N, C-alpha and C. Protein backbone atom coordinates (compact mmCIF):
# COMPACT_ATOMS: atom_id res chain seq x y z
N MET A 1 23.45 4.92 0.23
CA MET A 1 23.90 3.57 -0.11
C MET A 1 23.59 3.32 -1.58
N ALA A 2 24.59 2.98 -2.33
CA ALA A 2 24.41 2.67 -3.74
C ALA A 2 23.74 1.31 -3.87
N ALA A 3 23.07 1.11 -4.99
CA ALA A 3 22.36 -0.15 -5.22
C ALA A 3 23.32 -1.33 -5.17
N ALA A 4 24.55 -1.15 -5.61
CA ALA A 4 25.52 -2.24 -5.61
C ALA A 4 26.00 -2.58 -4.20
N ASP A 5 25.81 -1.67 -3.25
CA ASP A 5 26.29 -1.88 -1.89
C ASP A 5 25.27 -2.58 -1.00
N ILE A 6 24.08 -2.83 -1.48
CA ILE A 6 23.04 -3.45 -0.65
C ILE A 6 23.28 -4.96 -0.58
N THR A 7 23.09 -5.51 0.60
CA THR A 7 23.27 -6.96 0.75
C THR A 7 21.96 -7.66 0.46
N TYR A 8 22.06 -8.96 0.28
CA TYR A 8 20.87 -9.78 0.02
C TYR A 8 19.88 -9.65 1.17
N ARG A 9 20.37 -9.77 2.38
CA ARG A 9 19.47 -9.69 3.55
C ARG A 9 18.81 -8.33 3.66
N GLU A 10 19.56 -7.26 3.38
CA GLU A 10 18.99 -5.92 3.43
C GLU A 10 17.90 -5.76 2.37
N LEU A 11 18.17 -6.25 1.18
CA LEU A 11 17.18 -6.19 0.11
C LEU A 11 15.93 -6.98 0.49
N GLN A 12 16.14 -8.17 0.99
CA GLN A 12 15.02 -9.02 1.38
C GLN A 12 14.19 -8.34 2.47
N ARG A 13 14.84 -7.79 3.48
CA ARG A 13 14.15 -7.11 4.58
C ARG A 13 13.40 -5.87 4.07
N ASP A 14 14.05 -5.07 3.26
CA ASP A 14 13.44 -3.83 2.78
C ASP A 14 12.23 -4.09 1.90
N VAL A 15 12.33 -5.07 1.01
CA VAL A 15 11.21 -5.38 0.12
C VAL A 15 10.04 -5.95 0.92
N THR A 16 10.34 -6.80 1.88
CA THR A 16 9.28 -7.35 2.74
C THR A 16 8.60 -6.25 3.53
N ASN A 17 9.39 -5.36 4.11
CA ASN A 17 8.82 -4.25 4.88
C ASN A 17 7.99 -3.33 4.00
N LEU A 18 8.46 -3.06 2.81
CA LEU A 18 7.71 -2.20 1.89
C LEU A 18 6.34 -2.82 1.59
N GLY A 19 6.33 -4.08 1.27
CA GLY A 19 5.07 -4.75 0.98
C GLY A 19 4.10 -4.68 2.15
N LYS A 20 4.61 -4.88 3.36
CA LYS A 20 3.76 -4.82 4.55
C LYS A 20 3.23 -3.40 4.78
N GLN A 21 4.09 -2.41 4.62
CA GLN A 21 3.68 -1.02 4.81
C GLN A 21 2.60 -0.62 3.81
N VAL A 22 2.79 -1.00 2.58
CA VAL A 22 1.83 -0.66 1.54
C VAL A 22 0.48 -1.33 1.82
N MET A 23 0.51 -2.59 2.24
CA MET A 23 -0.74 -3.28 2.55
C MET A 23 -1.46 -2.64 3.73
N ARG A 24 -0.71 -2.26 4.77
CA ARG A 24 -1.33 -1.59 5.92
C ARG A 24 -1.94 -0.26 5.50
N ALA A 25 -1.21 0.48 4.68
CA ALA A 25 -1.73 1.77 4.21
C ALA A 25 -2.98 1.57 3.36
N SER A 26 -2.98 0.55 2.53
CA SER A 26 -4.14 0.26 1.69
C SER A 26 -5.36 -0.07 2.54
N GLU A 27 -5.16 -0.88 3.58
CA GLU A 27 -6.26 -1.21 4.47
C GLU A 27 -6.79 0.03 5.19
N ALA A 28 -5.88 0.90 5.62
CA ALA A 28 -6.30 2.14 6.29
C ALA A 28 -7.10 3.02 5.35
N ILE A 29 -6.64 3.13 4.11
CA ILE A 29 -7.35 3.95 3.12
C ILE A 29 -8.74 3.39 2.87
N ARG A 30 -8.85 2.07 2.76
CA ARG A 30 -10.18 1.46 2.58
C ARG A 30 -11.09 1.74 3.77
N GLY A 31 -10.54 1.72 4.97
CA GLY A 31 -11.32 2.05 6.15
C GLY A 31 -11.82 3.48 6.12
N HIS A 32 -10.95 4.40 5.73
CA HIS A 32 -11.36 5.81 5.62
C HIS A 32 -12.40 5.98 4.52
N ALA A 33 -12.22 5.26 3.42
CA ALA A 33 -13.18 5.35 2.32
C ALA A 33 -14.56 4.87 2.78
N GLN A 34 -14.59 3.80 3.56
CA GLN A 34 -15.88 3.31 4.07
C GLN A 34 -16.53 4.32 5.00
N THR A 35 -15.72 4.97 5.83
CA THR A 35 -16.24 6.02 6.72
C THR A 35 -16.83 7.17 5.90
N ILE A 36 -16.13 7.56 4.85
CA ILE A 36 -16.62 8.64 3.99
C ILE A 36 -17.93 8.22 3.31
N THR A 37 -17.99 6.98 2.85
CA THR A 37 -19.22 6.46 2.23
C THR A 37 -20.39 6.53 3.21
N ASP A 38 -20.15 6.10 4.43
CA ASP A 38 -21.20 6.14 5.45
C ASP A 38 -21.66 7.58 5.71
N GLU A 39 -20.70 8.49 5.79
CA GLU A 39 -21.03 9.90 6.02
C GLU A 39 -21.79 10.48 4.82
N ALA A 40 -21.43 10.06 3.62
CA ALA A 40 -22.13 10.54 2.42
C ALA A 40 -23.59 10.09 2.46
N ARG A 41 -23.82 8.85 2.84
CA ARG A 41 -25.20 8.36 2.96
C ARG A 41 -25.98 9.15 4.00
N ASP A 42 -25.34 9.39 5.14
CA ASP A 42 -25.99 10.17 6.19
C ASP A 42 -26.31 11.59 5.70
N THR A 43 -25.39 12.17 4.97
CA THR A 43 -25.59 13.52 4.45
C THR A 43 -26.74 13.54 3.44
N ALA A 44 -26.82 12.51 2.61
CA ALA A 44 -27.94 12.41 1.65
C ALA A 44 -29.27 12.29 2.39
N ARG A 45 -29.29 11.52 3.48
CA ARG A 45 -30.51 11.41 4.29
C ARG A 45 -30.88 12.75 4.92
N VAL A 46 -29.86 13.47 5.36
CA VAL A 46 -30.11 14.80 5.94
C VAL A 46 -30.72 15.72 4.89
N ALA A 47 -30.20 15.65 3.67
CA ALA A 47 -30.74 16.48 2.59
C ALA A 47 -32.22 16.16 2.36
N GLU A 48 -32.55 14.87 2.35
CA GLU A 48 -33.95 14.47 2.18
C GLU A 48 -34.80 14.95 3.34
N ALA A 49 -34.26 14.83 4.55
CA ALA A 49 -35.02 15.22 5.74
C ALA A 49 -35.27 16.73 5.78
N ILE A 50 -34.25 17.50 5.45
CA ILE A 50 -34.46 18.95 5.51
C ILE A 50 -35.37 19.43 4.38
N ALA A 51 -35.38 18.67 3.28
CA ALA A 51 -36.30 19.02 2.19
C ALA A 51 -37.75 18.85 2.65
N THR A 52 -38.01 17.78 3.41
CA THR A 52 -39.39 17.56 3.89
C THR A 52 -39.77 18.55 4.97
N LEU A 53 -38.79 19.16 5.62
CA LEU A 53 -39.07 20.15 6.66
C LEU A 53 -39.28 21.55 6.08
N GLY A 54 -39.11 21.66 4.76
CA GLY A 54 -39.35 22.95 4.12
C GLY A 54 -38.16 23.89 4.12
N VAL A 55 -36.96 23.36 4.34
CA VAL A 55 -35.76 24.19 4.27
C VAL A 55 -35.59 24.65 2.83
N ASP A 56 -35.02 25.84 2.66
CA ASP A 56 -34.91 26.42 1.31
C ASP A 56 -34.15 25.48 0.36
N GLN A 57 -34.53 25.55 -0.92
CA GLN A 57 -34.01 24.63 -1.93
C GLN A 57 -32.50 24.75 -2.12
N GLU A 58 -31.95 25.93 -1.95
CA GLU A 58 -30.50 26.09 -2.12
C GLU A 58 -29.74 25.29 -1.07
N THR A 59 -30.21 25.31 0.15
CA THR A 59 -29.56 24.55 1.22
C THR A 59 -29.70 23.05 0.97
N VAL A 60 -30.89 22.64 0.54
CA VAL A 60 -31.10 21.23 0.22
C VAL A 60 -30.18 20.81 -0.93
N ALA A 61 -30.08 21.64 -1.95
CA ALA A 61 -29.23 21.34 -3.11
C ALA A 61 -27.76 21.27 -2.70
N GLU A 62 -27.33 22.20 -1.85
CA GLU A 62 -25.93 22.18 -1.39
C GLU A 62 -25.64 20.93 -0.57
N THR A 63 -26.59 20.53 0.26
CA THR A 63 -26.41 19.34 1.08
C THR A 63 -26.37 18.09 0.20
N SER A 64 -27.23 18.04 -0.80
CA SER A 64 -27.21 16.91 -1.74
C SER A 64 -25.91 16.88 -2.54
N ALA A 65 -25.45 18.05 -2.95
CA ALA A 65 -24.19 18.13 -3.70
C ALA A 65 -23.02 17.67 -2.83
N LEU A 66 -23.05 18.03 -1.55
CA LEU A 66 -22.00 17.58 -0.63
C LEU A 66 -22.01 16.07 -0.51
N ALA A 67 -23.18 15.47 -0.43
CA ALA A 67 -23.28 14.00 -0.34
C ALA A 67 -22.68 13.35 -1.59
N ARG A 68 -22.98 13.89 -2.76
CA ARG A 68 -22.43 13.33 -4.00
C ARG A 68 -20.91 13.51 -4.05
N LEU A 69 -20.44 14.67 -3.60
CA LEU A 69 -19.00 14.93 -3.59
C LEU A 69 -18.29 13.96 -2.64
N MET A 70 -18.88 13.72 -1.49
CA MET A 70 -18.28 12.78 -0.53
C MET A 70 -18.26 11.37 -1.10
N ASP A 71 -19.31 11.00 -1.80
CA ASP A 71 -19.36 9.67 -2.41
C ASP A 71 -18.28 9.53 -3.48
N SER A 72 -18.07 10.58 -4.26
CA SER A 72 -17.00 10.57 -5.28
C SER A 72 -15.62 10.48 -4.62
N LEU A 73 -15.46 11.18 -3.52
CA LEU A 73 -14.20 11.13 -2.78
C LEU A 73 -13.93 9.71 -2.29
N SER A 74 -14.96 9.06 -1.80
CA SER A 74 -14.83 7.67 -1.35
C SER A 74 -14.41 6.76 -2.50
N ASP A 75 -15.05 6.94 -3.65
CA ASP A 75 -14.69 6.14 -4.83
C ASP A 75 -13.23 6.36 -5.22
N ALA A 76 -12.78 7.62 -5.15
CA ALA A 76 -11.39 7.92 -5.48
C ALA A 76 -10.44 7.26 -4.48
N ALA A 77 -10.80 7.28 -3.21
CA ALA A 77 -9.95 6.65 -2.19
C ALA A 77 -9.87 5.14 -2.40
N ILE A 78 -10.98 4.54 -2.77
CA ILE A 78 -10.98 3.10 -3.04
C ILE A 78 -10.10 2.80 -4.26
N GLY A 79 -10.17 3.64 -5.28
CA GLY A 79 -9.30 3.47 -6.45
C GLY A 79 -7.83 3.60 -6.08
N TYR A 80 -7.52 4.55 -5.20
CA TYR A 80 -6.15 4.73 -4.73
C TYR A 80 -5.69 3.49 -3.97
N ALA A 81 -6.55 2.96 -3.12
CA ALA A 81 -6.21 1.75 -2.36
C ALA A 81 -5.97 0.57 -3.30
N SER A 82 -6.74 0.51 -4.36
CA SER A 82 -6.56 -0.56 -5.34
C SER A 82 -5.18 -0.46 -5.98
N LYS A 83 -4.75 0.76 -6.27
CA LYS A 83 -3.40 0.96 -6.83
C LYS A 83 -2.34 0.57 -5.81
N ALA A 84 -2.61 0.84 -4.53
CA ALA A 84 -1.67 0.43 -3.48
C ALA A 84 -1.56 -1.08 -3.42
N ASP A 85 -2.69 -1.77 -3.62
CA ASP A 85 -2.66 -3.23 -3.66
C ASP A 85 -1.76 -3.71 -4.80
N THR A 86 -1.86 -3.05 -5.94
CA THR A 86 -1.02 -3.39 -7.08
C THR A 86 0.45 -3.18 -6.74
N THR A 87 0.75 -2.10 -6.04
CA THR A 87 2.12 -1.82 -5.64
C THR A 87 2.63 -2.89 -4.67
N ALA A 88 1.77 -3.29 -3.74
CA ALA A 88 2.16 -4.34 -2.79
C ALA A 88 2.43 -5.64 -3.52
N LYS A 89 1.62 -5.95 -4.52
CA LYS A 89 1.85 -7.17 -5.29
C LYS A 89 3.18 -7.09 -6.05
N ALA A 90 3.51 -5.90 -6.55
CA ALA A 90 4.79 -5.72 -7.24
C ALA A 90 5.96 -5.90 -6.26
N ALA A 91 5.80 -5.38 -5.05
CA ALA A 91 6.84 -5.57 -4.03
C ALA A 91 6.99 -7.04 -3.69
N GLN A 92 5.88 -7.75 -3.59
CA GLN A 92 5.94 -9.19 -3.31
C GLN A 92 6.61 -9.93 -4.47
N ALA A 93 6.30 -9.52 -5.70
CA ALA A 93 6.93 -10.15 -6.86
C ALA A 93 8.44 -9.90 -6.86
N ALA A 94 8.85 -8.68 -6.47
CA ALA A 94 10.29 -8.40 -6.37
C ALA A 94 10.93 -9.26 -5.29
N HIS A 95 10.23 -9.43 -4.17
CA HIS A 95 10.73 -10.29 -3.10
C HIS A 95 10.87 -11.73 -3.60
N ASP A 96 9.83 -12.21 -4.28
CA ASP A 96 9.86 -13.58 -4.81
C ASP A 96 11.00 -13.76 -5.81
N GLN A 97 11.20 -12.75 -6.68
CA GLN A 97 12.29 -12.82 -7.65
C GLN A 97 13.63 -12.83 -6.94
N ASN A 98 13.73 -12.02 -5.90
CA ASN A 98 14.95 -11.98 -5.09
C ASN A 98 15.22 -13.35 -4.47
N GLN A 99 14.18 -13.97 -3.96
CA GLN A 99 14.31 -15.32 -3.37
C GLN A 99 14.77 -16.31 -4.43
N THR A 100 14.13 -16.24 -5.60
CA THR A 100 14.46 -17.16 -6.68
C THR A 100 15.90 -16.97 -7.14
N SER A 101 16.31 -15.71 -7.29
CA SER A 101 17.64 -15.41 -7.80
C SER A 101 18.75 -15.68 -6.80
N HIS A 102 18.49 -15.36 -5.52
CA HIS A 102 19.57 -15.38 -4.55
C HIS A 102 19.32 -16.25 -3.33
N GLY A 103 18.11 -16.73 -3.17
CA GLY A 103 17.76 -17.49 -1.97
C GLY A 103 18.61 -18.72 -1.74
N GLY A 104 18.88 -19.45 -2.81
CA GLY A 104 19.69 -20.65 -2.67
C GLY A 104 21.11 -20.34 -2.23
N ILE A 105 21.64 -19.27 -2.76
CA ILE A 105 23.00 -18.85 -2.39
C ILE A 105 23.04 -18.47 -0.91
N ALA A 106 22.07 -17.64 -0.50
CA ALA A 106 22.03 -17.18 0.90
C ALA A 106 21.84 -18.35 1.84
N GLU A 107 21.00 -19.30 1.45
CA GLU A 107 20.76 -20.47 2.29
C GLU A 107 22.03 -21.32 2.41
N ALA A 108 22.71 -21.51 1.29
CA ALA A 108 23.95 -22.31 1.30
C ALA A 108 25.01 -21.64 2.17
N VAL A 109 25.14 -20.33 2.06
CA VAL A 109 26.14 -19.61 2.86
C VAL A 109 25.78 -19.70 4.34
N SER A 110 24.50 -19.55 4.67
CA SER A 110 24.11 -19.60 6.07
C SER A 110 24.30 -20.99 6.68
N ARG A 111 24.18 -22.04 5.88
CA ARG A 111 24.36 -23.40 6.39
C ARG A 111 25.81 -23.87 6.36
N SER A 112 26.63 -23.14 5.66
CA SER A 112 28.02 -23.55 5.48
C SER A 112 28.79 -23.48 6.80
N SER A 113 29.65 -24.45 7.00
CA SER A 113 30.50 -24.45 8.19
C SER A 113 31.79 -23.65 7.96
N VAL A 114 31.97 -23.16 6.75
CA VAL A 114 33.16 -22.40 6.40
C VAL A 114 32.98 -20.96 6.87
N ASP A 115 34.02 -20.42 7.52
CA ASP A 115 33.97 -19.03 7.97
C ASP A 115 34.26 -18.12 6.78
N VAL A 116 33.27 -17.34 6.38
CA VAL A 116 33.43 -16.46 5.23
C VAL A 116 33.58 -14.99 5.65
N SER A 117 33.79 -14.76 6.93
CA SER A 117 33.88 -13.38 7.41
C SER A 117 35.10 -12.65 6.85
N ASN A 118 36.16 -13.39 6.55
CA ASN A 118 37.37 -12.76 6.00
C ASN A 118 37.47 -12.90 4.49
N LEU A 119 36.42 -13.34 3.87
CA LEU A 119 36.43 -13.56 2.43
C LEU A 119 36.52 -12.22 1.70
N ASN A 120 37.37 -12.15 0.70
CA ASN A 120 37.51 -10.94 -0.10
C ASN A 120 36.34 -10.86 -1.07
N ARG A 121 35.44 -9.93 -0.83
CA ARG A 121 34.23 -9.81 -1.66
C ARG A 121 34.55 -9.42 -3.10
N GLU A 122 35.66 -8.73 -3.31
CA GLU A 122 36.05 -8.36 -4.67
C GLU A 122 36.36 -9.61 -5.49
N TRP A 123 36.90 -10.63 -4.84
CA TRP A 123 37.19 -11.89 -5.53
C TRP A 123 35.89 -12.52 -6.05
N LEU A 124 34.81 -12.40 -5.26
CA LEU A 124 33.52 -12.95 -5.68
C LEU A 124 32.92 -12.19 -6.86
N ARG A 125 33.26 -10.94 -7.00
CA ARG A 125 32.69 -10.11 -8.07
C ARG A 125 33.40 -10.33 -9.41
N GLN A 126 34.51 -11.00 -9.40
CA GLN A 126 35.27 -11.21 -10.62
C GLN A 126 34.49 -12.14 -11.54
N GLU A 127 34.65 -11.90 -12.82
CA GLU A 127 33.97 -12.76 -13.78
C GLU A 127 34.88 -13.79 -14.34
């Protein structure tokens, strides 16, 4: 479908759906990031615990490094979710602009008692 072939309602629906999908994905990413953060803390505690038990230093160091890596991964996921929030806001802004630009026309057509089903759309495109 070419951009010129999309209807107002299709554009409105698609932009609204996109915003909702992005927000849901952002929330899911934040949830995963929190899980990773919790696991990183647990891993750091395990590193401390095994150090007190006399486990070799290489294993303790690897466990500590894993905890730091997991924490960095969580930070990256939160940053990604933040970018998704920005994308959702842009989708909402596009929706709002669409409403501002075309909402009045769509509302007037929907309230009109005139049957426009046989209207020649090419006539409307003329300047």
